[in-house]
Amino acid sequence: MILSSLSYYTIINGYKNTFLSVPGTDNFIEGTKFNDLYTLHMIDTSVNSIVLKNILFVEQYLKTKIAYLVSEQYGVYTNPKDLSNRDPNDYLCRNNYGRSNRGRNNILRQLKETLTSDRINDSVAHYANTRNHIPAWILVTNITFGLTIKWYNILSAADKTRICSEFIQTPDLSVDDKKEFMSIALDLLRRYRNKIAHGSRIFNLSDLPVLPKNQLLCLSHNVLSADEYNKNIGKSDLFAVILTCFILIDNRYILINFLSDLMYTLKPYINVRLNGKSILEILGLPNDLFNRLDDLHREKFS
């Protein structure tokens, strides 16, 4: 029944490394069952779904905050056909953005090109056909997370400070520290999502951005220790992605649901051991994950 819906290749080749007696071979540890690999596949898929849903919340928040700021500061008019981006009445005028960013004009051009592509959504089409402007809050509905991050990165220093301060409100970090964390955190979420979308396993990810130590320890309210960070725990792994979502999402109910979803998915396997490791260990997560996230949630909204 399993193989009628999932390919043998997906399960065996995707998850066998956890169960090999000698890495790089096809020799499985004695006693390994196909069901062990299938269990890991199902957990991997379920956890991915939960994390990706919450990355989407971060994406929505970022888009909303940029659209509000740009509309307030620079108006609601843009001309999609003017790719020179020099009109001072256009909210995508290059002079509204950071001049030190070499890719500024190219990114502004990309934003405008999304408004004239064959893939515009109904909201953009409606404004294009019935109004003389397409405001930023409509534009953001038609752009990717990656392009949204690029837009954030070319904001002026003052505008970027404002966005950063809305996401990261602690007085214990400097503006520059907040900006550094924000930039790396967004890139971490984007690259994690892209890797998962292309079939990577969450317990075998590599080449992800490394969250800066001082800011992470401060913003995680000590649920991650310096010793753990130095051992690459919570640095650029699944735990880092989860912590980043908890830090950037400023909605207690969404975070409660995030924690509840993780508990619902992982608790049935809490006493299961595969190849001598707990499920949480295989995923690179601390065994007291739920307590830590609950503590972080309480500290964040205390």
Protein backbone atom coordinates (compact mmCIF):
# COMPACT_ATOMS: atom_id res chain seq x y z
CA MET A 1 0.00 0.00 0.00
CA ILE A 2 2.81 2.44 0.89
CA LEU A 3 4.63 1.98 -2.41
CA SER A 4 1.42 2.60 -4.35
CA SER A 5 1.58 6.26 -3.28
CA LEU A 6 5.31 6.80 -2.59
CA SER A 7 8.22 5.64 -4.70
CA TYR A 8 10.78 3.21 -3.33
CA TYR A 9 13.50 5.66 -4.39
CA THR A 10 11.96 8.51 -2.38
CA ILE A 11 11.93 6.52 0.84
CA ILE A 12 15.07 4.38 0.58
CA ASN A 13 17.47 6.84 -1.05
CA GLY A 14 16.01 9.81 0.76
CA TYR A 15 16.36 8.43 4.28
CA LYS A 16 18.81 5.53 4.23
CA ASN A 17 21.82 7.54 5.47
CA THR A 18 20.35 7.63 8.97
CA PHE A 19 20.36 3.82 9.09
CA LEU A 20 23.66 2.84 7.46
CA SER A 21 26.23 0.87 9.45
CA VAL A 22 29.00 2.45 7.38
CA PRO A 23 28.37 5.89 5.83
CA GLY A 24 28.64 5.91 2.04
CA THR A 25 27.71 2.25 1.66
CA ASP A 26 24.41 0.43 1.20
CA ASN A 27 24.90 -1.65 4.33
CA PHE A 28 22.02 -1.07 6.72
CA ILE A 29 22.29 -1.50 10.47
CA GLU A 30 21.06 -4.94 11.44
CA GLY A 31 17.38 -4.91 12.32
CA THR A 32 16.52 -1.85 10.24
CA LYS A 33 13.00 -2.13 8.85
CA PHE A 34 11.42 -0.42 5.89
CA ASN A 35 8.86 0.99 8.31
CA ASP A 36 11.68 2.87 10.09
CA LEU A 37 12.49 4.77 6.91
CA TYR A 38 8.81 5.34 6.17
CA THR A 39 8.24 6.71 9.68
CA LEU A 40 11.10 9.15 9.22
CA HIS A 41 9.71 10.21 5.85
CA MET A 42 6.28 10.93 7.31
CA ILE A 43 7.74 12.94 10.21
CA ASP A 44 9.99 14.86 7.83
CA THR A 45 7.06 15.72 5.57
CA SER A 46 4.79 16.74 8.45
CA VAL A 47 7.38 18.94 10.18
CA ASN A 48 8.24 20.58 6.87
CA SER A 49 4.60 21.46 6.31
CA ILE A 50 4.36 23.08 9.76
CA VAL A 51 7.56 25.09 9.38
CA LEU A 52 6.77 26.23 5.84
CA LYS A 53 3.35 27.47 6.98
CA ASN A 54 5.01 29.66 9.59
CA ILE A 55 7.65 30.94 7.19
CA LEU A 56 4.68 32.08 5.10
CA PHE A 57 3.48 34.15 8.07
CA VAL A 58 6.88 35.88 8.21
CA GLU A 59 6.65 36.53 4.47
CA GLN A 60 3.18 38.04 4.85
CA TYR A 61 4.30 40.27 7.73
CA LEU A 62 7.30 41.51 5.77
CA LYS A 63 5.19 42.30 2.71
CA THR A 64 2.59 44.11 4.80
CA LYS A 65 5.15 46.22 6.64
CA ILE A 66 7.02 47.20 3.46
CA ALA A 67 3.80 48.04 1.62
CA TYR A 68 2.55 50.20 4.49
CA LEU A 69 5.84 52.05 4.87
CA VAL A 70 6.32 52.66 1.14
CA SER A 71 2.73 53.87 0.71
CA GLU A 72 3.00 56.20 3.68
CA GLN A 73 6.39 57.61 2.69
CA TYR A 74 6.25 57.64 -1.11
CA GLY A 75 2.62 57.40 -2.20
CA VAL A 76 0.62 54.84 -4.17
CA TYR A 77 1.58 55.63 -7.78
CA THR A 78 3.93 53.61 -9.94
CA ASN A 79 4.27 53.38 -13.71
CA PRO A 80 5.08 49.76 -14.63
CA LYS A 81 6.28 50.80 -18.09
CA ASP A 82 8.83 53.32 -16.83
CA LEU A 83 11.85 51.15 -16.09
CA SER A 84 14.19 54.11 -15.63
CA ASN A 85 12.75 54.58 -12.13
CA ARG A 86 13.52 58.30 -12.07
CA ASP A 87 10.01 59.76 -11.67
CA PRO A 88 9.88 61.38 -8.18
CA ASN A 89 6.11 60.73 -8.06
CA ASP A 90 6.69 56.98 -8.40
CA TYR A 91 7.08 55.02 -5.17
CA LEU A 92 9.62 52.87 -6.99
CA CYS A 93 11.73 55.92 -7.88
CA ARG A 94 15.39 55.03 -7.33
CA ASN A 95 15.95 58.13 -5.18
CA ASN A 96 13.65 56.68 -2.52
CA TYR A 97 16.03 53.79 -1.93
CA GLY A 98 19.53 53.17 -0.61
CA ARG A 99 22.10 54.58 -3.02
CA SER A 100 24.91 52.32 -1.86
CA ASN A 101 23.17 49.18 -3.13
CA ARG A 102 24.56 48.27 -6.56
CA GLY A 103 21.58 46.12 -7.44
CA ARG A 104 19.03 48.79 -6.54
CA ASN A 105 17.91 49.69 -10.06
CA ASN A 106 17.75 46.08 -11.21
CA ILE A 107 15.56 45.14 -8.23
CA LEU A 108 13.23 48.09 -8.84
CA ARG A 109 12.99 46.98 -12.46
CA GLN A 110 12.14 43.42 -11.36
CA LEU A 111 9.37 44.76 -9.14
CA LYS A 112 7.83 46.68 -12.03
CA GLU A 113 8.18 43.77 -14.43
CA THR A 114 6.01 41.62 -12.16
CA LEU A 115 3.17 44.04 -12.89
CA THR A 116 3.32 43.45 -16.64
CA SER A 117 4.15 39.75 -16.72
CA ASP A 118 1.78 37.02 -17.90
CA ARG A 119 1.41 35.84 -14.31
CA ILE A 120 -0.27 38.80 -12.67
CA ASN A 121 -2.96 37.85 -10.17
CA ASP A 122 -6.56 39.07 -10.14
CA SER A 123 -5.84 41.95 -7.74
CA VAL A 124 -3.10 43.39 -9.95
CA ALA A 125 -5.21 42.86 -13.08
CA HIS A 126 -8.15 44.67 -11.48
CA TYR A 127 -6.07 47.71 -10.53
CA ALA A 128 -4.30 47.75 -13.89
CA ASN A 129 -7.62 47.75 -15.74
CA THR A 130 -9.73 50.02 -13.53
CA ARG A 131 -7.36 52.40 -11.72
CA ASN A 132 -4.56 54.75 -12.67
CA HIS A 133 -2.23 53.30 -10.06
CA ILE A 134 -1.12 50.00 -8.53
CA PRO A 135 -0.27 50.62 -4.86
CA ALA A 136 2.43 48.76 -2.98
CA TRP A 137 -0.10 46.70 -1.02
CA ILE A 138 -1.33 45.27 -4.33
CA LEU A 139 2.18 44.83 -5.75
CA VAL A 140 3.25 42.65 -2.81
CA THR A 141 0.50 40.14 -3.57
CA ASN A 142 2.24 39.32 -6.85
CA ILE A 143 5.89 38.98 -5.82
CA THR A 144 7.92 36.15 -4.35
CA PHE A 145 9.43 36.00 -0.89
CA GLY A 146 12.86 36.29 -2.48
CA LEU A 147 11.98 39.48 -4.35
CA THR A 148 10.34 40.89 -1.22
CA ILE A 149 13.61 40.36 0.67
CA LYS A 150 15.51 42.09 -2.14
CA TRP A 151 13.09 45.01 -1.85
CA TYR A 152 13.71 45.17 1.89
CA ASN A 153 17.47 45.08 1.32
CA ILE A 154 17.44 48.18 -0.92
CA LEU A 155 15.35 50.32 1.42
CA SER A 156 16.98 53.49 2.67
CA ALA A 157 18.79 53.22 6.00
CA ALA A 158 15.97 55.02 7.82
CA ASP A 159 13.24 52.88 6.24
CA LYS A 160 15.14 49.68 6.95
CA THR A 161 15.61 50.75 10.56
CA ARG A 162 11.87 51.26 10.90
CA ILE A 163 11.00 47.84 9.46
CA CYS A 164 13.68 46.17 11.59
CA SER A 165 12.47 47.83 14.75
CA GLU A 166 8.93 46.61 14.12
CA PHE A 167 10.15 43.01 13.89
CA ILE A 168 12.79 43.25 16.63
CA GLN A 169 11.69 45.50 19.45
CA THR A 170 14.23 44.75 22.16
CA PRO A 171 16.25 47.72 23.49
CA ASP A 172 19.15 45.36 24.21
CA LEU A 173 20.48 45.38 20.63
CA SER A 174 21.83 48.24 18.54
CA VAL A 175 20.16 49.21 15.27
CA ASP A 176 23.07 47.71 13.32
CA ASP A 177 22.81 44.44 15.26
CA LYS A 178 19.09 44.27 14.53
CA LYS A 179 19.69 44.89 10.83
CA GLU A 180 22.38 42.22 10.66
CA PHE A 181 20.15 39.65 12.33
CA MET A 182 17.14 40.58 10.20
CA SER A 183 19.05 40.28 6.93
CA ILE A 184 20.56 36.89 7.78
CA ALA A 185 17.34 35.56 9.33
CA LEU A 186 15.29 36.37 6.22
CA ASP A 187 17.91 34.75 4.00
CA LEU A 188 17.90 31.67 6.24
CA LEU A 189 14.13 31.27 5.91
CA ARG A 190 14.22 31.84 2.15
CA ARG A 191 16.99 29.34 1.51
CA TYR A 192 15.51 26.76 3.87
CA ARG A 193 12.19 26.97 2.03
CA ASN A 194 13.87 26.67 -1.35
CA LYS A 195 15.87 23.62 -0.29
CA ILE A 196 12.80 21.87 1.08
CA ALA A 197 10.85 22.70 -2.07
CA HIS A 198 13.57 20.97 -4.09
CA GLY A 199 13.46 17.78 -2.03
CA SER A 200 16.11 18.28 0.67
CA ARG A 201 15.58 16.51 4.02
CA ILE A 202 15.34 18.71 7.09
CA PHE A 203 17.85 16.63 9.05
CA ASN A 204 20.43 16.77 6.28
CA LEU A 205 20.52 20.42 5.25
CA SER A 206 23.78 22.21 4.50
CA ASP A 207 25.02 25.60 3.29
CA LEU A 208 22.41 27.58 5.20
CA PRO A 209 23.25 31.08 6.52
CA VAL A 210 24.63 31.21 10.06
CA LEU A 211 22.64 33.32 12.51
CA PRO A 212 24.84 35.82 14.40
CA LYS A 213 25.58 34.54 17.89
CA ASN A 214 25.06 37.57 20.12
CA GLN A 215 21.76 38.60 18.59
CA LEU A 216 20.41 35.04 18.54
CA LEU A 217 21.24 34.43 22.20
CA CYS A 218 19.63 37.74 23.14
CA LEU A 219 16.47 37.29 21.08
CA SER A 220 15.97 33.64 22.05
CA HIS A 221 15.84 34.66 25.74
CA ASN A 222 18.38 32.03 26.78
CA VAL A 223 16.45 29.03 25.43
CA LEU A 224 19.64 28.46 23.41
CA SER A 225 22.97 28.47 25.23
CA ALA A 226 26.30 29.77 23.99
CA ASP A 227 27.73 26.28 24.45
CA GLU A 228 25.04 24.79 22.21
CA TYR A 229 25.60 27.48 19.58
CA ASN A 230 29.33 26.72 19.62
CA LYS A 231 28.42 23.09 18.93
CA ASN A 232 26.42 24.19 15.86
CA ILE A 233 23.03 23.72 17.52
CA GLY A 234 20.52 26.41 16.56
CA LYS A 235 23.09 28.06 14.34
CA SER A 236 22.01 27.19 10.79
CA ASP A 237 19.78 24.14 11.17
CA LEU A 238 16.10 23.29 11.63
CA PHE A 239 16.22 24.56 15.21
CA ALA A 240 17.62 27.86 13.92
CA VAL A 241 14.72 28.12 11.46
CA ILE A 242 12.15 27.43 14.19
CA LEU A 243 13.76 29.95 16.55
CA THR A 244 13.83 32.54 13.75
CA CYS A 245 10.11 32.12 13.16
CA PHE A 246 9.43 32.50 16.88
CA ILE A 247 11.54 35.65 16.98
CA LEU A 248 10.05 37.33 13.89
CA ILE A 249 6.38 36.39 14.33
CA ASP A 250 4.76 38.87 16.70
CA ASN A 251 1.46 37.08 17.20
CA ARG A 252 0.98 34.96 20.30
CA TYR A 253 -1.84 32.89 18.80
CA ILE A 254 0.12 31.95 15.70
CA LEU A 255 3.05 30.90 17.86
CA ILE A 256 0.80 28.88 20.18
CA ASN A 257 -0.54 27.06 17.11
CA PHE A 258 3.01 26.58 15.81
CA LEU A 259 4.02 24.90 19.07
CA SER A 260 0.80 22.87 19.22
CA ASP A 261 1.31 21.62 15.66
CA LEU A 262 4.86 20.51 16.45
CA MET A 263 3.73 18.75 19.62
CA TYR A 264 0.85 17.02 17.84
CA THR A 265 3.21 15.76 15.13
CA LEU A 266 6.22 14.77 17.23
CA LYS A 267 4.88 13.67 20.63
CA PRO A 268 3.53 10.30 19.38
CA TYR A 269 7.15 9.43 18.48
CA ILE A 270 8.77 10.88 21.57
CA ASN A 271 9.81 7.44 22.89
CA VAL A 272 10.66 5.97 19.48
CA ARG A 273 14.35 5.40 18.83
CA LEU A 274 15.78 4.83 15.38
CA ASN A 275 19.41 3.77 15.10
CA GLY A 276 19.80 4.50 18.82
CA LYS A 277 18.59 8.09 18.50
CA SER A 278 15.35 9.81 19.38
CA ILE A 279 13.33 11.42 16.61
CA LEU A 280 14.19 14.87 17.95
CA GLU A 281 17.90 14.04 17.88
CA ILE A 282 17.65 12.86 14.27
CA LEU A 283 15.96 16.14 13.37
CA GLY A 284 18.72 18.06 15.16
CA LEU A 285 16.33 19.35 17.80
CA PRO A 286 16.84 19.40 21.59
CA ASN A 287 14.95 16.73 23.54
CA ASP A 288 13.24 19.45 25.60
CA LEU A 289 12.16 21.37 22.48
CA PHE A 290 8.57 21.91 23.58
CA ASN A 291 9.53 23.33 26.97
CA ARG A 292 12.05 25.66 25.35
CA LEU A 293 9.58 27.00 22.80
CA ASP A 294 6.97 27.45 25.49
CA ASP A 295 9.50 29.41 27.57
CA LEU A 296 10.41 31.55 24.55
CA HIS A 297 6.75 32.28 23.86
CA ARG A 298 6.17 33.29 27.49
CA GLU A 299 9.23 35.54 27.57
CA LYS A 300 8.34 37.16 24.26
CA PHE A 301 4.88 38.22 25.43
CA SER A 302 5.53 38.79 29.12
